[in-house]
Each structure stands twice: as C-alpha cells, then as structure tokens.
Amino acid sequence: MEKFVIGASFFMGAGLVLFAVYVLSGGFMEIVLIAGLSLVIAMLGVILINQRRELDARKRAEKRRELNRGM
C-alpha cells in the first residue's frame, strides 16, 4: 500500500508540474511535451535506482542467511 501511495503522489506531482509548465509557457504544447518527456525519464531513473537498491538488499540478506545456516 505504501508503494501505491508513493506512486500516486509522484503521478499527481508530475501532473501539477506539467500544468504549471503549460500555464507559465503561455499555452505552448511543445514545451509541455518536452517537460513531460523529461519528467518521465527522471521518474523511470528513480524507479530503476530504487529497484537496484532493493535487489542489492535482498542479495545481502540472502548471503547473511546462508552464512548463518553454515555456522
């Protein structure tokens, strides 16, 4: 549930930013498109970094379990 709330807040925040870009640019959709694509790329980067950290943590936990079983 916590990840859903975080994802929903990212989505709503991105929408708010895009709306602000649209208003401040005077209605030029090209600028909104560029800003939107940049936002998507940045959000995907954050997601990939978080997945990498979770995978590393899982590997460390598995290694710890293996070492504890061997003792």
PDB file of N, CA and C in Angstrom:
ATOM      1  N   MET A   1       0.824  -1.189   0.000  1.00  0.00           N
ATOM      2  CA  MET A   1       0.000   0.000   0.000  1.00  0.00           C
ATOM      3  C   MET A   1       0.867   1.251   0.000  1.00  0.00           C
ATOM      4  N   GLU A   2       1.993   1.185   0.719  1.00  0.00           N
ATOM      5  CA  GLU A   2       2.870   2.348   0.811  1.00  0.00           C
ATOM      6  C   GLU A   2       3.443   2.720  -0.560  1.00  0.00           C
ATOM      7  N   LYS A   3       3.813   1.718  -1.357  1.00  0.00           N
ATOM      8  CA  LYS A   3       4.360   1.989  -2.685  1.00  0.00           C
ATOM      9  C   LYS A   3       3.301   2.591  -3.593  1.00  0.00           C
ATOM     10  N   PHE A   4       2.048   2.179  -3.427  1.00  0.00           N
ATOM     11  CA  PHE A   4       0.968   2.742  -4.227  1.00  0.00           C
ATOM     12  C   PHE A   4       0.791   4.227  -3.926  1.00  0.00           C
ATOM     13  N   VAL A   5       0.839   4.582  -2.651  1.00  0.00           N
ATOM     14  CA  VAL A   5       0.682   5.988  -2.252  1.00  0.00           C
ATOM     15  C   VAL A   5       1.840   6.817  -2.801  1.00  0.00           C
ATOM     16  N   ILE A   6       3.043   6.283  -2.735  1.00  0.00           N
ATOM     17  CA  ILE A   6       4.206   6.996  -3.271  1.00  0.00           C
ATOM     18  C   ILE A   6       4.060   7.179  -4.775  1.00  0.00           C
ATOM     19  N   GLY A   7       3.659   6.128  -5.474  1.00  0.00           N
ATOM     20  CA  GLY A   7       3.458   6.210  -6.921  1.00  0.00           C
ATOM     21  C   GLY A   7       2.371   7.197  -7.295  1.00  0.00           C
ATOM     22  N   ALA A   8       1.273   7.170  -6.549  1.00  0.00           N
ATOM     23  CA  ALA A   8       0.176   8.097  -6.829  1.00  0.00           C
ATOM     24  C   ALA A   8       0.604   9.542  -6.583  1.00  0.00           C
ATOM     25  N   SER A   9       1.391   9.761  -5.541  1.00  0.00           N
ATOM     26  CA  SER A   9       1.844  11.129  -5.272  1.00  0.00           C
ATOM     27  C   SER A   9       2.824  11.601  -6.343  1.00  0.00           C
ATOM     28  N   PHE A  10       3.689  10.711  -6.850  1.00  0.00           N
ATOM     29  CA  PHE A  10       4.558  11.066  -7.972  1.00  0.00           C
ATOM     30  C   PHE A  10       3.730  11.452  -9.188  1.00  0.00           C
ATOM     31  N   PHE A  11       2.701  10.655  -9.476  1.00  0.00           N
ATOM     32  CA  PHE A  11       1.848  10.903 -10.638  1.00  0.00           C
ATOM     33  C   PHE A  11       1.125  12.240 -10.514  1.00  0.00           C
ATOM     34  N   MET A  12       0.566  12.518  -9.344  1.00  0.00           N
ATOM     35  CA  MET A  12      -0.144  13.784  -9.141  1.00  0.00           C
ATOM     36  C   MET A  12       0.826  14.965  -9.167  1.00  0.00           C
ATOM     37  N   GLY A  13       2.000  14.784  -8.590  1.00  0.00           N
ATOM     38  CA  GLY A  13       3.003  15.846  -8.618  1.00  0.00           C
ATOM     39  C   GLY A  13       3.451  16.152 -10.037  1.00  0.00           C
ATOM     40  N   ALA A  14       3.628  15.107 -10.834  1.00  0.00           N
ATOM     41  CA  ALA A  14       4.016  15.307 -12.238  1.00  0.00           C
ATOM     42  C   ALA A  14       2.922  16.047 -12.993  1.00  0.00           C
ATOM     43  N   GLY A  15       1.682  15.697 -12.737  1.00  0.00           N
ATOM     44  CA  GLY A  15       0.569  16.407 -13.384  1.00  0.00           C
ATOM     45  C   GLY A  15       0.531  17.871 -12.998  1.00  0.00           C
ATOM     46  N   LEU A  16       0.770  18.152 -11.743  1.00  0.00           N
ATOM     47  CA  LEU A  16       0.789  19.536 -11.271  1.00  0.00           C
ATOM     48  C   LEU A  16       1.926  20.318 -11.921  1.00  0.00           C
ATOM     49  N   VAL A  17       3.091  19.703 -12.024  1.00  0.00           N
ATOM     50  CA  VAL A  17       4.233  20.356 -12.662  1.00  0.00           C
ATOM     51  C   VAL A  17       3.937  20.628 -14.133  1.00  0.00           C
ATOM     52  N   LEU A  18       3.362  19.652 -14.823  1.00  0.00           N
ATOM     53  CA  LEU A  18       3.042  19.850 -16.241  1.00  0.00           C
ATOM     54  C   LEU A  18       1.993  20.945 -16.428  1.00  0.00           C
ATOM     55  N   PHE A  19       1.021  21.006 -15.544  1.00  0.00           N
ATOM     56  CA  PHE A  19       0.018  22.073 -15.619  1.00  0.00           C
ATOM     57  C   PHE A  19       0.681  23.433 -15.402  1.00  0.00           C
ATOM     58  N   ALA A  20       1.597  23.514 -14.438  1.00  0.00           N
ATOM     59  CA  ALA A  20       2.302  24.772 -14.180  1.00  0.00           C
ATOM     60  C   ALA A  20       3.149  25.167 -15.390  1.00  0.00           C
ATOM     61  N   VAL A  21       3.797  24.196 -16.017  1.00  0.00           N
ATOM     62  CA  VAL A  21       4.592  24.484 -17.219  1.00  0.00           C
ATOM     63  C   VAL A  21       3.690  24.998 -18.331  1.00  0.00           C
ATOM     64  N   TYR A  22       2.520  24.400 -18.493  1.00  0.00           N
ATOM     65  CA  TYR A  22       1.575  24.831 -19.526  1.00  0.00           C
ATOM     66  C   TYR A  22       1.111  26.264 -19.281  1.00  0.00           C
ATOM     67  N   VAL A  23       0.784  26.572 -18.047  1.00  0.00           N
ATOM     68  CA  VAL A  23       0.301  27.918 -17.717  1.00  0.00           C
ATOM     69  C   VAL A  23       1.421  28.943 -17.892  1.00  0.00           C
ATOM     70  N   LEU A  24       2.609  28.624 -17.383  1.00  0.00           N
ATOM     71  CA  LEU A  24       3.718  29.575 -17.448  1.00  0.00           C
ATOM     72  C   LEU A  24       4.275  29.757 -18.866  1.00  0.00           C
ATOM     73  N   SER A  25       4.097  28.746 -19.727  1.00  0.00           N
ATOM     74  CA  SER A  25       4.611  28.858 -21.090  1.00  0.00           C
ATOM     75  C   SER A  25       3.641  29.575 -22.016  1.00  0.00           C
ATOM     76  N   GLY A  26       2.497  29.923 -21.514  1.00  0.00           N
ATOM     77  CA  GLY A  26       1.523  30.628 -22.345  1.00  0.00           C
ATOM     78  C   GLY A  26       0.765  29.718 -23.280  1.00  0.00           C
ATOM     79  N   GLY A  27       0.728  28.449 -22.988  1.00  0.00           N
ATOM     80  CA  GLY A  27      -0.062  27.504 -23.770  1.00  0.00           C
ATOM     81  C   GLY A  27       0.696  26.812 -24.890  1.00  0.00           C
ATOM     82  N   PHE A  28       2.021  26.873 -24.896  1.00  0.00           N
ATOM     83  CA  PHE A  28       2.795  26.188 -25.924  1.00  0.00           C
ATOM     84  C   PHE A  28       2.911  24.704 -25.565  1.00  0.00           C
ATOM     85  N   MET A  29       2.260  23.868 -26.336  1.00  0.00           N
ATOM     86  CA  MET A  29       2.244  22.434 -26.037  1.00  0.00           C
ATOM     87  C   MET A  29       3.598  21.777 -26.273  1.00  0.00           C
ATOM     88  N   GLU A  30       4.427  22.360 -27.154  1.00  0.00           N
ATOM     89  CA  GLU A  30       5.736  21.767 -27.415  1.00  0.00           C
ATOM     90  C   GLU A  30       6.589  21.770 -26.145  1.00  0.00           C
ATOM     91  N   ILE A  31       6.513  22.864 -25.398  1.00  0.00           N
ATOM     92  CA  ILE A  31       7.284  22.960 -24.160  1.00  0.00           C
ATOM     93  C   ILE A  31       6.754  21.953 -23.138  1.00  0.00           C
ATOM     94  N   VAL A  32       5.446  21.786 -23.091  1.00  0.00           N
ATOM     95  CA  VAL A  32       4.848  20.819 -22.168  1.00  0.00           C
ATOM     96  C   VAL A  32       5.268  19.400 -22.554  1.00  0.00           C
ATOM     97  N   LEU A  33       5.321  19.118 -23.849  1.00  0.00           N
ATOM     98  CA  LEU A  33       5.751  17.799 -24.313  1.00  0.00           C
ATOM     99  C   LEU A  33       7.191  17.513 -23.902  1.00  0.00           C
ATOM    100  N   ILE A  34       8.068  18.482 -24.094  1.00  0.00           N
ATOM    101  CA  ILE A  34       9.472  18.306 -23.712  1.00  0.00           C
ATOM    102  C   ILE A  34       9.601  18.123 -22.201  1.00  0.00           C
ATOM    103  N   ALA A  35       8.888  18.951 -21.438  1.00  0.00           N
ATOM    104  CA  ALA A  35       8.935  18.831 -19.978  1.00  0.00           C
ATOM    105  C   ALA A  35       8.355  17.486 -19.527  1.00  0.00           C
ATOM    106  N   GLY A  36       7.291  17.042 -20.177  1.00  0.00           N
ATOM    107  CA  GLY A  36       6.679  15.760 -19.828  1.00  0.00           C
ATOM    108  C   GLY A  36       7.608  14.590 -20.075  1.00  0.00           C
ATOM    109  N   LEU A  37       8.271  14.600 -21.231  1.00  0.00           N
ATOM    110  CA  LEU A  37       9.218  13.526 -21.528  1.00  0.00           C
ATOM    111  C   LEU A  37      10.385  13.537 -20.544  1.00  0.00           C
ATOM    112  N   SER A  38      10.850  14.720 -20.182  1.00  0.00           N
ATOM    113  CA  SER A  38      11.929  14.815 -19.205  1.00  0.00           C
ATOM    114  C   SER A  38      11.486  14.270 -17.850  1.00  0.00           C
ATOM    115  N   LEU A  39      10.252  14.580 -17.468  1.00  0.00           N
ATOM    116  CA  LEU A  39       9.714  14.068 -16.201  1.00  0.00           C
ATOM    117  C   LEU A  39       9.620  12.553 -16.223  1.00  0.00           C
ATOM    118  N   VAL A  40       9.159  11.989 -17.323  1.00  0.00           N
ATOM    119  CA  VAL A  40       9.034  10.532 -17.425  1.00  0.00           C
ATOM    120  C   VAL A  40      10.401   9.872 -17.313  1.00  0.00           C
ATOM    121  N   ILE A  41      11.386  10.424 -18.000  1.00  0.00           N
ATOM    122  CA  ILE A  41      12.735   9.856 -17.941  1.00  0.00           C
ATOM    123  C   ILE A  41      13.291   9.937 -16.520  1.00  0.00           C
ATOM    124  N   ALA A  42      13.078  11.066 -15.852  1.00  0.00           N
ATOM    125  CA  ALA A  42      13.566  11.218 -14.480  1.00  0.00           C
ATOM    126  C   ALA A  42      12.874  10.239 -13.536  1.00  0.00           C
ATOM    127  N   MET A  43      11.566  10.069 -13.677  1.00  0.00           N
ATOM    128  CA  MET A  43      10.827   9.151 -12.797  1.00  0.00           C
ATOM    129  C   MET A  43      11.259   7.713 -13.039  1.00  0.00           C
ATOM    130  N   LEU A  44      11.493   7.335 -14.293  1.00  0.00           N
ATOM    131  CA  LEU A  44      11.973   5.983 -14.573  1.00  0.00           C
ATOM    132  C   LEU A  44      13.358   5.763 -13.977  1.00  0.00           C
ATOM    133  N   GLY A  45      14.194   6.787 -14.009  1.00  0.00           N
ATOM    134  CA  GLY A  45      15.513   6.675 -13.394  1.00  0.00           C
ATOM    135  C   GLY A  45      15.420   6.432 -11.902  1.00  0.00           C
ATOM    136  N   VAL A  46      14.529   7.150 -11.236  1.00  0.00           N
ATOM    137  CA  VAL A  46      14.336   6.964  -9.789  1.00  0.00           C
ATOM    138  C   VAL A  46      13.823   5.558  -9.496  1.00  0.00           C
ATOM    139  N   ILE A  47      12.896   5.082 -10.295  1.00  0.00           N
ATOM    140  CA  ILE A  47      12.352   3.738 -10.100  1.00  0.00           C
ATOM    141  C   ILE A  47      13.443   2.690 -10.274  1.00  0.00           C
ATOM    142  N   LEU A  48      14.262   2.843 -11.305  1.00  0.00           N
ATOM    143  CA  LEU A  48      15.333   1.872 -11.533  1.00  0.00           C
ATOM    144  C   LEU A  48      16.365   1.884 -10.412  1.00  0.00           C
ATOM    145  N   ILE A  49      16.693   3.055  -9.900  1.00  0.00           N
ATOM    146  CA  ILE A  49      17.636   3.137  -8.782  1.00  0.00           C
ATOM    147  C   ILE A  49      17.068   2.438  -7.555  1.00  0.00           C
ATOM    148  N   ASN A  50      15.781   2.655  -7.268  1.00  0.00           N
ATOM    149  CA  ASN A  50      15.151   2.005  -6.115  1.00  0.00           C
ATOM    150  C   ASN A  50      15.107   0.491  -6.281  1.00  0.00           C
ATOM    151  N   GLN A  51      14.818   0.016  -7.483  1.00  0.00           N
ATOM    152  CA  GLN A  51      14.792  -1.428  -7.713  1.00  0.00           C
ATOM    153  C   GLN A  51      16.178  -2.032  -7.527  1.00  0.00           C
ATOM    154  N   ARG A  52      17.208  -1.319  -7.963  1.00  0.00           N
ATOM    155  CA  ARG A  52      18.572  -1.807  -7.808  1.00  0.00           C
ATOM    156  C   ARG A  52      18.928  -1.917  -6.318  1.00  0.00           C
ATOM    157  N   ARG A  53      18.533  -0.916  -5.537  1.00  0.00           N
ATOM    158  CA  ARG A  53      18.811  -0.954  -4.089  1.00  0.00           C
ATOM    159  C   ARG A  53      18.091  -2.107  -3.422  1.00  0.00           C
ATOM    160  N   GLU A  54      16.839  -2.337  -3.806  1.00  0.00           N
ATOM    161  CA  GLU A  54      16.091  -3.452  -3.225  1.00  0.00           C
ATOM    162  C   GLU A  54      16.736  -4.781  -3.591  1.00  0.00           C
ATOM    163  N   LEU A  55      17.182  -4.913  -4.828  1.00  0.00           N
ATOM    164  CA  LEU A  55      17.833  -6.153  -5.258  1.00  0.00           C
ATOM    165  C   LEU A  55      19.130  -6.379  -4.488  1.00  0.00           C
ATOM    166  N   ASP A  56      19.921  -5.325  -4.312  1.00  0.00           N
ATOM    167  CA  ASP A  56      21.160  -5.456  -3.542  1.00  0.00           C
ATOM    168  C   ASP A  56      20.874  -5.838  -2.092  1.00  0.00           C
ATOM    169  N   ALA A  57      19.850  -5.236  -1.505  1.00  0.00           N
ATOM    170  CA  ALA A  57      19.487  -5.564  -0.123  1.00  0.00           C
ATOM    171  C   ALA A  57      19.043  -7.018  -0.020  1.00  0.00           C
ATOM    172  N   ARG A  58      18.286  -7.498  -1.000  1.00  0.00           N
ATOM    173  CA  ARG A  58      17.856  -8.902  -0.996  1.00  0.00           C
ATOM    174  C   ARG A  58      19.045  -9.842  -1.090  1.00  0.00           C
ATOM    175  N   LYS A  59      19.998  -9.490  -1.966  1.00  0.00           N
ATOM    176  CA  LYS A  59      21.183 -10.344  -2.111  1.00  0.00           C
ATOM    177  C   LYS A  59      21.986 -10.385  -0.819  1.00  0.00           C
ATOM    178  N   ARG A  60      22.141  -9.229  -0.152  1.00  0.00           N
ATOM    179  CA  ARG A  60      22.870  -9.209   1.116  1.00  0.00           C
ATOM    180  C   ARG A  60      22.146 -10.035   2.179  1.00  0.00           C
ATOM    181  N   ALA A  61      20.826  -9.930   2.226  1.00  0.00           N
ATOM    182  CA  ALA A  61      20.055 -10.694   3.205  1.00  0.00           C
ATOM    183  C   ALA A  61      20.175 -12.190   2.933  1.00  0.00           C
ATOM    184  N   GLU A  62      20.133 -12.575   1.674  1.00  0.00           N
ATOM    185  CA  GLU A  62      20.268 -13.995   1.325  1.00  0.00           C
ATOM    186  C   GLU A  62      21.655 -14.509   1.704  1.00  0.00           C
ATOM    187  N   LYS A  63      22.670 -13.706   1.453  1.00  0.00           N
ATOM    188  CA  LYS A  63      24.025 -14.112   1.803  1.00  0.00           C
ATOM    189  C   LYS A  63      24.159 -14.259   3.318  1.00  0.00           C
ATOM    190  N   ARG A  64      23.553 -13.338   4.077  1.00  0.00           N
ATOM    191  CA  ARG A  64      23.585 -13.422   5.540  1.00  0.00           C
ATOM    192  C   ARG A  64      22.905 -14.688   6.024  1.00  0.00           C
ATOM    193  N   ARG A  65      21.764 -15.027   5.420  1.00  0.00           N
ATOM    194  CA  ARG A  65      21.045 -16.243   5.813  1.00  0.00           C
ATOM    195  C   ARG A  65      21.890 -17.486   5.537  1.00  0.00           C
ATOM    196  N   GLU A  66      22.556 -17.490   4.376  1.00  0.00           N
ATOM    197  CA  GLU A  66      23.415 -18.630   4.043  1.00  0.00           C
ATOM    198  C   GLU A  66      24.565 -18.774   5.033  1.00  0.00           C
ATOM    199  N   LEU A  67      25.174 -17.650   5.404  1.00  0.00           N
ATOM    200  CA  LEU A  67      26.281 -17.694   6.369  1.00  0.00           C
ATOM    201  C   LEU A  67      25.791 -18.146   7.753  1.00  0.00           C
ATOM    202  N   ASN A  68      24.607 -17.710   8.151  1.00  0.00           N
ATOM    203  CA  ASN A  68      24.081 -18.112   9.448  1.00  0.00           C
ATOM    204  C   ASN A  68      23.723 -19.596   9.473  1.00  0.00           C
ATOM    205  N   ARG A  69      23.250 -20.125   8.348  1.00  0.00           N
ATOM    206  CA  ARG A  69      22.923 -21.554   8.289  1.00  0.00           C
ATOM    207  C   ARG A  69      24.185 -22.401   8.329  1.00  0.00           C
ATOM    208  N   GLY A  70      25.268 -21.897   7.741  1.00  0.00           N
ATOM    209  CA  GLY A  70      26.513 -22.671   7.688  1.00  0.00           C
ATOM    210  C   GLY A  70      27.217 -22.761   9.027  1.00  0.00           C
ATOM    211  N   MET A  71      26.904 -21.864   9.946  1.00  0.00           N
ATOM    212  CA  MET A  71      27.591 -21.871  11.240  1.00  0.00           C
ATOM    213  C   MET A  71      26.980 -22.827  12.170  1.00  0.00           C
TER     214      MET A  71
END
